[in-house]
């Protein structure tokens, strides 16, 4: 593993400490790697409690939430109430990007249409659709 730091190797190895359900969520990219490294430091009962809390809150921990849980765990102070309080926090909205398959979009645009022109047209149509919905809602 040329060019891979010792910390990276240790972090990857630490994922073996995750219970199977959480490891599967990492594999499925439902939990990001950085929080997963922190979660791996929790005890098995704490990880099971986290899994239950994630299901009830319909959320996965952010990096900062996972770090705080790890610190509480190390201090012997991570219980269900603390975990729920951390997981119930409002996270800042995450930016996301959406990509659409060009082959599906092509039929709606002229052959000479550039990706930029396609994007402009899509947003123009979405604005018209939004205004129409707002007018309908006002009635």
Protein backbone atom coordinates (compact mmCIF):
# COMPACT_ATOMS: atom_id res chain seq x y z
CA UNK A 1 0.00 0.00 0.00
CA UNK A 2 2.34 2.68 -1.22
CA UNK A 3 1.40 6.21 -0.32
CA UNK A 4 -1.14 5.19 2.32
CA UNK A 5 -0.47 6.56 5.78
CA UNK A 6 -0.38 4.46 8.92
CA UNK A 7 -3.40 6.38 10.24
CA UNK A 8 -5.40 5.45 7.16
CA UNK A 9 -4.49 1.79 7.53
CA UNK A 10 -5.42 1.88 11.24
CA UNK A 11 -8.74 3.55 10.42
CA UNK A 12 -9.58 0.95 7.80
CA UNK A 13 -8.67 -1.88 10.17
CA UNK A 14 -10.81 -0.30 12.89
CA UNK A 15 -13.89 -0.85 10.71
CA UNK A 16 -13.58 -4.55 11.58
CA UNK A 17 -14.79 -3.55 15.05
CA UNK A 18 -18.18 -2.53 13.68
CA UNK A 19 -21.15 -4.80 14.22
CA UNK A 20 -22.24 -6.42 10.91
CA UNK A 21 -25.31 -4.18 10.49
CA UNK A 22 -23.24 -0.98 10.76
CA UNK A 23 -20.47 -2.37 8.55
CA UNK A 24 -23.10 -3.18 5.91
CA UNK A 25 -24.33 0.42 6.11
CA UNK A 26 -20.76 1.63 5.51
CA UNK A 27 -20.43 -0.74 2.53
CA UNK A 28 -23.73 0.55 1.16
CA UNK A 29 -22.50 4.13 1.71
CA UNK A 30 -25.35 4.89 4.11
CA UNK A 31 -22.72 5.83 6.71
CA UNK A 32 -19.66 7.78 5.58
CA UNK A 33 -16.19 6.49 6.38
CA UNK A 34 -15.10 9.30 8.69
CA UNK A 35 -18.00 8.89 11.16
CA UNK A 36 -17.65 5.10 10.82
CA UNK A 37 -14.06 5.28 12.13
CA UNK A 38 -15.40 7.05 15.24
CA UNK A 39 -18.33 4.65 15.65
CA UNK A 40 -15.94 1.68 15.48
CA UNK A 41 -14.50 2.82 18.83
CA UNK A 42 -17.88 2.33 20.54
CA UNK A 43 -18.54 -0.87 22.46
CA UNK A 44 -20.74 -3.50 20.84
CA UNK A 45 -23.73 -2.67 23.10
CA UNK A 46 -23.27 1.03 22.28
CA UNK A 47 -23.16 0.22 18.56
CA UNK A 48 -26.38 -1.78 18.89
CA UNK A 49 -27.96 1.12 20.76
CA UNK A 50 -26.75 3.47 18.01
CA UNK A 51 -28.32 1.25 15.37
CA UNK A 52 -31.67 1.39 17.22
CA UNK A 53 -31.35 5.15 17.64
CA UNK A 54 -30.52 5.63 13.96
CA UNK A 55 -33.62 3.64 13.03
CA UNK A 56 -35.87 5.60 15.37
CA UNK A 57 -34.46 8.97 14.31
CA UNK A 58 -34.15 8.00 10.63
CA UNK A 59 -30.69 9.57 10.60
CA UNK A 60 -27.04 8.62 10.49
CA UNK A 61 -24.44 10.41 12.60
CA UNK A 62 -22.36 13.23 11.20
CA UNK A 63 -18.63 13.33 11.90
CA UNK A 64 -19.07 15.70 14.85
CA UNK A 65 -21.92 13.62 16.30
CA UNK A 66 -19.84 10.43 16.01
CA UNK A 67 -16.85 12.16 17.62
CA UNK A 68 -18.96 13.31 20.57
CA UNK A 69 -20.38 9.82 21.04
CA UNK A 70 -16.87 8.37 20.97
CA UNK A 71 -15.68 10.84 23.63
CA UNK A 72 -18.68 10.07 25.85
CA UNK A 73 -18.06 6.35 25.34
CA UNK A 74 -14.42 6.71 26.37
CA UNK A 75 -15.56 8.58 29.47
CA UNK A 76 -18.09 5.86 30.25
CA UNK A 77 -20.94 8.36 29.89
CA UNK A 78 -22.61 7.26 26.63
CA UNK A 79 -26.10 6.03 27.43
CA UNK A 80 -29.35 5.94 25.50
CA UNK A 81 -30.39 9.43 26.56
CA UNK A 82 -27.08 11.00 25.55
CA UNK A 83 -27.10 9.16 22.25
CA UNK A 84 -30.68 10.16 21.48
CA UNK A 85 -29.93 13.78 22.34
CA UNK A 86 -26.94 13.80 19.98
CA UNK A 87 -28.76 12.01 17.15
CA UNK A 88 -31.88 14.20 17.46
CA UNK A 89 -29.90 17.37 16.75
CA UNK A 90 -30.76 19.19 13.59
CA UNK A 91 -27.94 18.74 11.12
CA UNK A 92 -27.14 21.45 8.64
CA UNK A 93 -28.64 20.64 5.27
CA UNK A 94 -26.23 18.80 3.04
CA UNK A 95 -25.59 20.06 -0.44
CA UNK A 96 -26.15 17.45 -3.04
CA UNK A 97 -25.77 17.17 -6.73
CA UNK A 98 -28.12 15.44 -9.10
CA UNK A 99 -27.10 13.92 -12.38
CA UNK A 100 -29.49 12.78 -15.04
CA UNK A 101 -28.67 10.30 -17.78
CA UNK A 102 -28.11 12.23 -21.01
CA UNK A 103 -29.45 9.37 -23.14
CA UNK A 104 -32.84 9.78 -21.43
CA UNK A 105 -32.79 13.57 -21.83
CA UNK A 106 -31.69 13.63 -25.49
CA UNK A 107 -35.17 12.90 -26.86
CA UNK A 108 -36.44 16.17 -25.36
CA UNK A 109 -33.78 18.39 -26.91
CA UNK A 110 -32.47 19.13 -30.38
CA UNK A 111 -29.38 17.15 -31.45
CA UNK A 112 -27.36 20.36 -31.32
CA UNK A 113 -28.33 20.95 -27.67
CA UNK A 114 -25.37 21.42 -25.35
CA UNK A 115 -25.44 20.27 -21.73
CA UNK A 116 -25.49 23.93 -20.63
CA UNK A 117 -28.50 24.71 -22.86
CA UNK A 118 -30.26 21.58 -21.60
CA UNK A 119 -29.69 22.67 -17.99
CA UNK A 120 -30.97 26.20 -18.69
CA UNK A 121 -34.11 24.82 -20.35
CA UNK A 122 -34.77 22.39 -17.51
CA UNK A 123 -34.51 25.16 -14.90
CA UNK A 124 -36.70 27.48 -16.97
CA UNK A 125 -39.37 24.78 -17.20
CA UNK A 126 -39.09 24.07 -13.47
CA UNK A 127 -39.61 27.78 -12.71
CA UNK A 128 -42.75 27.81 -14.89
CA UNK A 129 -44.00 24.64 -13.18
CA UNK A 130 -43.38 26.15 -9.72
CA UNK A 131 -45.24 29.37 -10.59
CA UNK A 132 -48.18 27.34 -11.95
CA UNK A 133 -48.31 25.27 -8.73
CA UNK A 134 -48.20 28.44 -6.60
CA UNK A 135 -51.05 30.02 -8.59
CA UNK A 136 -53.11 26.85 -8.23
CA UNK A 137 -52.45 26.76 -4.47
CA UNK A 138 -53.61 30.39 -4.10
CA UNK A 139 -57.04 29.60 -5.55
